[in-house]
C-alpha atoms as a PDB file:
ATOM      1  CA  MET A   1    -129.350 178.144 159.937  1.00  0.00           C
ATOM      2  CA  ASN A   2    -125.674 178.256 160.881  1.00  0.00           C
ATOM      3  CA  LEU A   3    -123.161 177.239 158.179  1.00  0.00           C
ATOM      4  CA  THR A   4    -119.522 176.344 158.522  1.00  0.00           C
ATOM      5  CA  ASN A   5    -117.004 178.563 156.742  1.00  0.00           C
ATOM      6  CA  ASP A   6    -116.365 175.835 154.170  1.00  0.00           C
ATOM      7  CA  VAL A   7    -120.025 175.607 153.240  1.00  0.00           C
ATOM      8  CA  GLU A   8    -120.426 179.397 153.349  1.00  0.00           C
ATOM      9  CA  ARG A   9    -117.782 179.743 150.600  1.00  0.00           C
ATOM     10  CA  MET A  10    -119.440 177.175 148.314  1.00  0.00           C
ATOM     11  CA  CYS A  11    -121.397 178.329 145.283  1.00  0.00           C
ATOM     12  CA  PRO A  12    -125.002 177.033 145.084  1.00  0.00           C
ATOM     13  CA  ILE A  13    -125.863 174.157 142.734  1.00  0.00           C
ATOM     14  CA  ALA A  14    -129.512 173.488 141.893  1.00  0.00           C
ATOM     15  CA  LYS A  15    -131.079 170.274 143.081  1.00  0.00           C
ATOM     16  CA  GLY A  16    -132.291 168.003 140.309  1.00  0.00           C
ATOM     17  CA  PRO A  17    -134.857 165.216 140.683  1.00  0.00           C
ATOM     18  CA  ASN A  18    -137.091 165.240 143.738  1.00  0.00           C
ATOM     19  CA  HIS A  19    -139.442 162.288 143.524  1.00  0.00           C
ATOM     20  CA  GLY A  20    -140.324 162.125 147.215  1.00  0.00           C
ATOM     21  CA  PRO A  21    -140.365 158.944 149.295  1.00  0.00           C
ATOM     22  CA  ALA A  22    -141.059 155.524 147.859  1.00  0.00           C
ATOM     23  CA  PRO A  23    -144.722 154.546 148.368  1.00  0.00           C
ATOM     24  CA  ILE A  24    -145.529 151.955 151.030  1.00  0.00           C
ATOM     25  CA  PRO A  25    -148.626 149.710 151.214  1.00  0.00           C
ATOM     26  CA  GLU A  26    -151.109 150.852 153.836  1.00  0.00           C
ATOM     27  CA  GLU A  27    -154.590 149.405 154.281  1.00  0.00           C
ATOM     28  CA  GLY A  28    -155.051 148.678 150.585  1.00  0.00           C
ATOM     29  CA  LYS A  29    -153.446 151.897 149.286  1.00  0.00           C
ATOM     30  CA  TRP A  30    -149.990 152.995 148.210  1.00  0.00           C
ATOM     31  CA  VAL A  31    -148.968 155.970 150.361  1.00  0.00           C
ATOM     32  CA  LYS A  32    -145.998 158.324 150.083  1.00  0.00           C
ATOM     33  CA  ALA A  33    -145.478 158.948 153.781  1.00  0.00           C
ATOM     34  CA  THR A  34    -143.827 162.247 154.692  1.00  0.00           C
ATOM     35  CA  GLN A  35    -145.147 162.642 158.244  1.00  0.00           C
ATOM     36  CA  ILE A  36    -146.437 160.495 161.098  1.00  0.00           C
ATOM     37  CA  SER A  37    -150.082 161.251 160.269  1.00  0.00           C
ATOM     38  CA  ASP A  38    -149.578 159.426 156.952  1.00  0.00           C
ATOM     39  CA  ILE A  39    -149.101 156.079 158.741  1.00  0.00           C
ATOM     40  CA  SER A  40    -151.938 153.584 159.268  1.00  0.00           C
ATOM     41  CA  GLY A  41    -152.035 149.845 159.878  1.00  0.00           C
ATOM     42  CA  LEU A  42    -152.221 146.988 162.351  1.00  0.00           C
ATOM     43  CA  SER A  43    -149.056 145.106 163.204  1.00  0.00           C
ATOM     44  CA  HIS A  44    -147.119 143.258 165.904  1.00  0.00           C
ATOM     45  CA  GLY A  45    -143.763 143.866 167.540  1.00  0.00           C
ATOM     46  CA  ILE A  46    -141.700 141.536 169.726  1.00  0.00           C
ATOM     47  CA  GLY A  47    -139.419 142.879 172.479  1.00  0.00           C
ATOM     48  CA  TRP A  48    -137.136 141.602 175.226  1.00  0.00           C
ATOM     49  CA  CYS A  49    -135.552 143.109 178.319  1.00  0.00           C
ATOM     50  CA  ALA A  50    -131.829 143.636 178.859  1.00  0.00           C
ATOM     51  CA  PRO A  51    -131.269 140.509 181.011  1.00  0.00           C
ATOM     52  CA  GLN A  52    -133.640 138.647 178.647  1.00  0.00           C
ATOM     53  CA  GLN A  53    -135.746 137.353 181.521  1.00  0.00           C
ATOM     54  CA  GLY A  54    -138.995 138.170 179.756  1.00  0.00           C
ATOM     55  CA  GLY A  55    -140.555 139.056 176.434  1.00  0.00           C
ATOM     56  CA  CYS A  56    -143.406 141.191 175.099  1.00  0.00           C
ATOM     57  CA  LYS A  57    -145.694 140.910 172.091  1.00  0.00           C
ATOM     58  CA  LEU A  58    -147.191 144.312 171.293  1.00  0.00           C
ATOM     59  CA  THR A  59    -150.066 144.746 168.833  1.00  0.00           C
ATOM     60  CA  LEU A  60    -151.074 148.248 167.697  1.00  0.00           C
ATOM     61  CA  ASN A  61    -153.873 149.425 165.432  1.00  0.00           C
ATOM     62  CA  VAL A  62    -152.853 152.820 164.053  1.00  0.00           C
ATOM     63  CA  LYS A  63    -155.131 155.173 162.114  1.00  0.00           C
ATOM     64  CA  ASN A  64    -153.651 158.337 160.573  1.00  0.00           C
ATOM     65  CA  GLY A  65    -150.646 158.227 162.879  1.00  0.00           C
ATOM     66  CA  ILE A  66    -152.704 157.826 166.073  1.00  0.00           C
ATOM     67  CA  ILE A  67    -152.648 154.636 168.160  1.00  0.00           C
ATOM     68  CA  GLU A  68    -156.306 153.684 168.510  1.00  0.00           C
ATOM     69  CA  GLU A  69    -155.809 150.201 169.981  1.00  0.00           C
ATOM     70  CA  ALA A  70    -153.053 148.466 171.948  1.00  0.00           C
ATOM     71  CA  LEU A  71    -152.768 144.840 173.046  1.00  0.00           C
ATOM     72  CA  VAL A  72    -149.823 144.142 175.364  1.00  0.00           C
ATOM     73  CA  GLU A  73    -148.926 140.493 176.047  1.00  0.00           C
ATOM     74  CA  THR A  74    -145.979 139.636 178.297  1.00  0.00           C
ATOM     75  CA  LEU A  75    -144.214 136.472 179.377  1.00  0.00           C
ATOM     76  CA  GLY A  76    -141.636 135.415 181.916  1.00  0.00           C
ATOM     77  CA  CYS A  77    -141.419 138.329 184.348  1.00  0.00           C
ATOM     78  CA  SER A  78    -143.924 139.229 187.067  1.00  0.00           C
ATOM     79  CA  GLY A  79    -142.967 142.915 187.050  1.00  0.00           C
ATOM     80  CA  MET A  80    -143.533 143.032 183.306  1.00  0.00           C
ATOM     81  CA  THR A  81    -147.232 142.245 183.717  1.00  0.00           C
ATOM     82  CA  HIS A  82    -147.679 145.363 185.855  1.00  0.00           C
ATOM     83  CA  SER A  83    -145.715 147.376 183.307  1.00  0.00           C
ATOM     84  CA  ALA A  84    -148.051 146.052 180.614  1.00  0.00           C
ATOM     85  CA  ALA A  85    -151.040 147.339 182.590  1.00  0.00           C
ATOM     86  CA  MET A  86    -149.524 150.813 182.535  1.00  0.00           C
ATOM     87  CA  ALA A  87    -148.513 150.604 178.866  1.00  0.00           C
ATOM     88  CA  ALA A  88    -152.052 149.633 177.825  1.00  0.00           C
ATOM     89  CA  GLU A  89    -153.264 152.893 179.383  1.00  0.00           C
ATOM     90  CA  ILE A  90    -150.376 154.999 178.106  1.00  0.00           C
ATOM     91  CA  LEU A  91    -150.351 154.004 174.408  1.00  0.00           C
ATOM     92  CA  PRO A  92    -153.870 154.757 173.061  1.00  0.00           C
ATOM     93  CA  LYS A  93    -154.369 158.321 171.699  1.00  0.00           C
ATOM     94  CA  LYS A  94    -150.634 158.881 171.320  1.00  0.00           C
ATOM     95  CA  THR A  95    -149.040 159.461 167.936  1.00  0.00           C
ATOM     96  CA  LEU A  96    -146.581 156.821 166.772  1.00  0.00           C
ATOM     97  CA  LEU A  97    -143.703 159.230 167.329  1.00  0.00           C
ATOM     98  CA  GLU A  98    -144.874 160.080 170.846  1.00  0.00           C
ATOM     99  CA  ALA A  99    -145.165 156.397 171.708  1.00  0.00           C
ATOM    100  CA  LEU A 100    -141.700 155.665 170.340  1.00  0.00           C
ATOM    101  CA  ASN A 101    -140.274 158.324 172.666  1.00  0.00           C
ATOM    102  CA  THR A 102    -142.382 157.405 175.717  1.00  0.00           C
ATOM    103  CA  ASP A 103    -141.014 155.341 178.601  1.00  0.00           C
ATOM    104  CA  LEU A 104    -143.284 152.298 178.600  1.00  0.00           C
ATOM    105  CA  VAL A 105    -141.872 151.257 182.002  1.00  0.00           C
ATOM    106  CA  CYS A 106    -140.386 147.902 180.903  1.00  0.00           C
ATOM    107  CA  ASP A 107    -137.413 147.332 178.573  1.00  0.00           C
ATOM    108  CA  ALA A 108    -139.221 144.558 176.736  1.00  0.00           C
ATOM    109  CA  ILE A 109    -142.252 146.751 175.976  1.00  0.00           C
ATOM    110  CA  ASN A 110    -139.982 149.604 174.857  1.00  0.00           C
ATOM    111  CA  VAL A 111    -138.136 147.261 172.486  1.00  0.00           C
ATOM    112  CA  ALA A 112    -141.448 145.915 171.159  1.00  0.00           C
ATOM    113  CA  MET A 113    -142.521 149.521 170.496  1.00  0.00           C
ATOM    114  CA  ARG A 114    -139.313 150.132 168.548  1.00  0.00           C
ATOM    115  CA  GLU A 115    -139.777 146.994 166.465  1.00  0.00           C
ATOM    116  CA  ILE A 116    -143.442 147.671 165.671  1.00  0.00           C
ATOM    117  CA  PHE A 117    -142.573 151.253 164.693  1.00  0.00           C
ATOM    118  CA  LEU A 118    -140.266 149.851 162.019  1.00  0.00           C
ATOM    119  CA  GLN A 119    -143.003 147.518 160.762  1.00  0.00           C
ATOM    120  CA  LEU A 120    -145.490 150.370 160.468  1.00  0.00           C
ATOM    121  CA  VAL A 121    -143.313 153.032 158.840  1.00  0.00           C
ATOM    122  CA  TYR A 122    -141.951 150.568 156.262  1.00  0.00           C
ATOM    123  CA  GLY A 123    -145.414 149.240 155.357  1.00  0.00           C
ATOM    124  CA  ARG A 124    -144.730 145.693 156.618  1.00  0.00           C
ATOM    125  CA  THR A 125    -148.049 145.377 158.436  1.00  0.00           C
ATOM    126  CA  GLN A 126    -150.734 142.735 158.725  1.00  0.00           C
ATOM    127  CA  THR A 127    -153.128 145.129 156.973  1.00  0.00           C
ATOM    128  CA  ALA A 128    -150.827 146.377 154.216  1.00  0.00           C
ATOM    129  CA  PHE A 129    -153.135 145.130 151.465  1.00  0.00           C
ATOM    130  CA  SER A 130    -156.468 145.107 153.373  1.00  0.00           C
ATOM    131  CA  GLU A 131    -158.755 147.918 152.227  1.00  0.00           C
ATOM    132  CA  ASN A 132    -159.488 150.282 155.137  1.00  0.00           C
ATOM    133  CA  GLY A 133    -157.475 148.030 157.458  1.00  0.00           C
ATOM    134  CA  LEU A 134    -159.108 146.379 160.455  1.00  0.00           C
ATOM    135  CA  PRO A 135    -161.670 147.862 162.904  1.00  0.00           C
ATOM    136  CA  ILE A 136    -160.640 148.861 166.403  1.00  0.00           C
ATOM    137  CA  GLY A 137    -160.707 145.775 168.616  1.00  0.00           C
ATOM    138  CA  SER A 138    -159.328 143.393 166.001  1.00  0.00           C
ATOM    139  CA  SER A 139    -156.254 142.493 168.057  1.00  0.00           C
ATOM    140  CA  LEU A 140    -158.533 140.623 170.486  1.00  0.00           C
ATOM    141  CA  ASP A 141    -159.271 138.088 167.732  1.00  0.00           C
ATOM    142  CA  ASP A 142    -155.813 136.603 168.397  1.00  0.00           C
ATOM    143  CA  LEU A 143    -156.837 135.721 171.940  1.00  0.00           C
ATOM    144  CA  GLY A 144    -159.824 133.484 171.242  1.00  0.00           C
ATOM    145  CA  LYS A 145    -162.521 132.469 173.732  1.00  0.00           C
ATOM    146  CA  GLY A 146    -162.113 133.885 177.216  1.00  0.00           C
ATOM    147  CA  LEU A 147    -159.654 136.516 175.936  1.00  0.00           C
ATOM    148  CA  ARG A 148    -156.536 134.671 177.102  1.00  0.00           C
ATOM    149  CA  SER A 149    -153.151 134.827 175.405  1.00  0.00           C
ATOM    150  CA  GLN A 150    -152.118 131.633 173.652  1.00  0.00           C
ATOM    151  CA  ILE A 151    -149.100 130.273 175.491  1.00  0.00           C
ATOM    152  CA  GLY A 152    -146.948 127.214 174.959  1.00  0.00           C
ATOM    153  CA  THR A 153    -144.986 126.061 178.019  1.00  0.00           C
ATOM    154  CA  MET A 154    -142.782 122.969 177.754  1.00  0.00           C
ATOM    155  CA  PHE A 155    -140.050 121.605 179.996  1.00  0.00           C
ATOM    156  CA  GLY A 156    -137.523 118.871 179.336  1.00  0.00           C
ATOM    157  CA  THR A 157    -134.456 117.303 180.933  1.00  0.00           C
ATOM    158  CA  SER A 158    -131.938 114.755 179.698  1.00  0.00           C
ATOM    159  CA  VAL A 159    -132.659 112.398 182.572  1.00  0.00           C
ATOM    160  CA  LYS A 160    -136.468 112.567 182.811  1.00  0.00           C
ATOM    161  CA  GLY A 161    -137.596 113.630 179.351  1.00  0.00           C
ATOM    162  CA  VAL A 162    -140.272 116.125 178.333  1.00  0.00           C
ATOM    163  CA  ARG A 163    -143.237 117.663 180.159  1.00  0.00           C
ATOM    164  CA  TYR A 164    -145.991 119.509 178.247  1.00  0.00           C
ATOM    165  CA  LEU A 165    -147.439 122.095 180.648  1.00  0.00           C
ATOM    166  CA  GLU A 166    -149.509 124.461 178.506  1.00  0.00           C
ATOM    167  CA  MET A 167    -150.541 124.182 174.861  1.00  0.00           C
ATOM    168  CA  ALA A 168    -152.533 126.462 172.584  1.00  0.00           C
ATOM    169  CA  GLU A 169    -155.631 124.471 173.555  1.00  0.00           C
ATOM    170  CA  GLY A 170    -155.073 125.105 177.264  1.00  0.00           C
ATOM    171  CA  TYR A 171    -153.698 123.769 180.541  1.00  0.00           C
ATOM    172  CA  VAL A 172    -152.276 120.247 180.145  1.00  0.00           C
ATOM    173  CA  LEU A 173    -153.727 117.760 182.644  1.00  0.00           C
ATOM    174  CA  SER A 174    -151.962 114.557 181.600  1.00  0.00           C
ATOM    175  CA  LEU A 175    -149.678 113.083 178.968  1.00  0.00           C
ATOM    176  CA  ALA A 176    -150.380 109.822 177.142  1.00  0.00           C
ATOM    177  CA  LEU A 177    -147.397 107.517 176.642  1.00  0.00           C
ATOM    178  CA  ASP A 178    -146.987 104.452 174.442  1.00  0.00           C
ATOM    179  CA  ASP A 179    -145.173 101.195 175.277  1.00  0.00           C
ATOM    180  CA  ASN A 180    -141.833 102.946 174.687  1.00  0.00           C
ATOM    181  CA  ASP A 181    -142.758 105.750 177.141  1.00  0.00           C
ATOM    182  CA  GLU A 182    -142.949 108.238 174.255  1.00  0.00           C
ATOM    183  CA  VAL A 183    -145.602 110.994 174.262  1.00  0.00           C
ATOM    184  CA  ILE A 184    -148.456 110.217 171.866  1.00  0.00           C
ATOM    185  CA  GLY A 185    -151.119 112.624 173.115  1.00  0.00           C
ATOM    186  CA  TYR A 186    -152.356 114.759 175.982  1.00  0.00           C
ATOM    187  CA  LYS A 187    -155.466 115.830 177.878  1.00  0.00           C
ATOM    188  CA  PHE A 188    -156.099 119.537 178.405  1.00  0.00           C
ATOM    189  CA  CYS A 189    -158.541 122.028 179.912  1.00  0.00           C
ATOM    190  CA  ARG A 190    -159.679 125.152 178.056  1.00  0.00           C
ATOM    191  CA  VAL A 191    -159.171 127.456 181.020  1.00  0.00           C
ATOM    192  CA  GLY A 192    -160.536 130.602 179.386  1.00  0.00           C
ATOM    193  CA  LYS A 193    -163.805 129.033 178.281  1.00  0.00           C
ATOM    194  CA  MET A 194    -164.202 127.233 181.610  1.00  0.00           C
ATOM    195  CA  LEU A 195    -163.847 130.442 183.613  1.00  0.00           C
ATOM    196  CA  GLU A 196    -166.273 132.242 181.306  1.00  0.00           C
ATOM    197  CA  GLU A 197    -168.903 129.591 181.967  1.00  0.00           C
ATOM    198  CA  ILE A 198    -168.311 129.718 185.726  1.00  0.00           C
ATOM    199  CA  ARG A 199    -168.576 133.512 185.649  1.00  0.00           C
ATOM    200  CA  HIS A 200    -171.947 133.200 183.920  1.00  0.00           C
ATOM    201  CA  GLY A 201    -173.353 130.834 186.521  1.00  0.00           C
ATOM    202  CA  SER A 202    -172.347 127.321 185.477  1.00  0.00           C
ATOM    203  CA  ASP A 203    -171.439 124.749 188.122  1.00  0.00           C
ATOM    204  CA  PRO A 204    -167.603 124.716 188.364  1.00  0.00           C
ATOM    205  CA  LYS A 205    -167.364 120.911 188.150  1.00  0.00           C
ATOM    206  CA  GLU A 206    -169.644 120.794 185.099  1.00  0.00           C
ATOM    207  CA  ALA A 207    -167.767 123.690 183.471  1.00  0.00           C
ATOM    208  CA  PHE A 208    -164.459 121.909 184.033  1.00  0.00           C
ATOM    209  CA  GLU A 209    -165.658 118.597 182.607  1.00  0.00           C
ATOM    210  CA  LYS A 210    -167.260 120.318 179.610  1.00  0.00           C
ATOM    211  CA  ASN A 211    -163.993 122.023 178.685  1.00  0.00           C
ATOM    212  CA  VAL A 212    -161.676 119.022 178.980  1.00  0.00           C
ATOM    213  CA  GLY A 213    -160.446 117.641 175.656  1.00  0.00           C
ATOM    214  CA  THR A 214    -157.742 115.390 174.263  1.00  0.00           C
ATOM    215  CA  TYR A 215    -155.276 115.536 171.398  1.00  0.00           C
ATOM    216  CA  GLY A 216    -153.406 112.797 169.541  1.00  0.00           C
ATOM    217  CA  ARG A 217    -153.706 109.096 170.400  1.00  0.00           C
ATOM    218  CA  TYR A 218    -154.748 109.770 173.978  1.00  0.00           C
ATOM    219  CA  ASP A 219    -157.377 107.062 174.348  1.00  0.00           C
ATOM    220  CA  GLY A 220    -155.949 103.585 174.796  1.00  0.00           C
ATOM    221  CA  ALA A 221    -152.420 104.721 175.683  1.00  0.00           C
ATOM    222  CA  ALA A 222    -150.172 102.374 177.645  1.00  0.00           C
ATOM    223  CA  LYS A 223    -149.638 104.917 180.419  1.00  0.00           C
ATOM    224  CA  TYR A 224    -150.785 108.356 181.607  1.00  0.00           C
ATOM    225  CA  VAL A 225    -148.564 110.873 183.420  1.00  0.00           C
ATOM    226  CA  ASP A 226    -149.408 114.062 185.299  1.00  0.00           C
ATOM    227  CA  PRO A 227    -146.709 116.454 183.959  1.00  0.00           C
ATOM    228  CA  ARG A 228    -146.688 118.492 187.181  1.00  0.00           C
ATOM    229  CA  GLU A 229    -146.741 115.691 189.753  1.00  0.00           C
ATOM    230  CA  GLU A 230    -145.000 112.688 188.166  1.00  0.00           C
END
């Protein structure tokens, strides 16, 4: 180790207390983490690209410093979806430190990786107090039937009002309005479940009708509007 002249001339003074790092909660245990292999947990990170055209939600399940599971969800940029495909292959089997210093192709995914790293190394994870954490594959539970990301897409203008396009339940087919032309409900299609049924041999028309539902005071509304056509 090279020392400057000033330090070279200094006399040594013994170091006093050395208590190590503060313990962090990990999968139901308190761990004093001193290296990457000490880190375990499942958590989420949110990232965005430099022009802020798109965003990424990254979910990692880490066991003993190794990424065993990665769920990459992106929104708002077509190129980002292809980057996500690459990132989902790149991330598993890497250590947390490797992943932090890996080019994950898209700015938003790289930022999400940075943010989730902070969650994990500070013990702010979804599994901080869950004994043994969660099994590999648990991130898919967030997606629900048909393994589709839950997306909310709404549009509004000052002159024409609001349009609900996609809700957590699915693709919005029509809006129900009251006598004041205010939204009081909507009809939707559970796209993921519908496609699963079609894939397994159901008649497309029957599958569609089976997966149509309503929310709010849809029945008996004064007026119905197609949010994409009207």
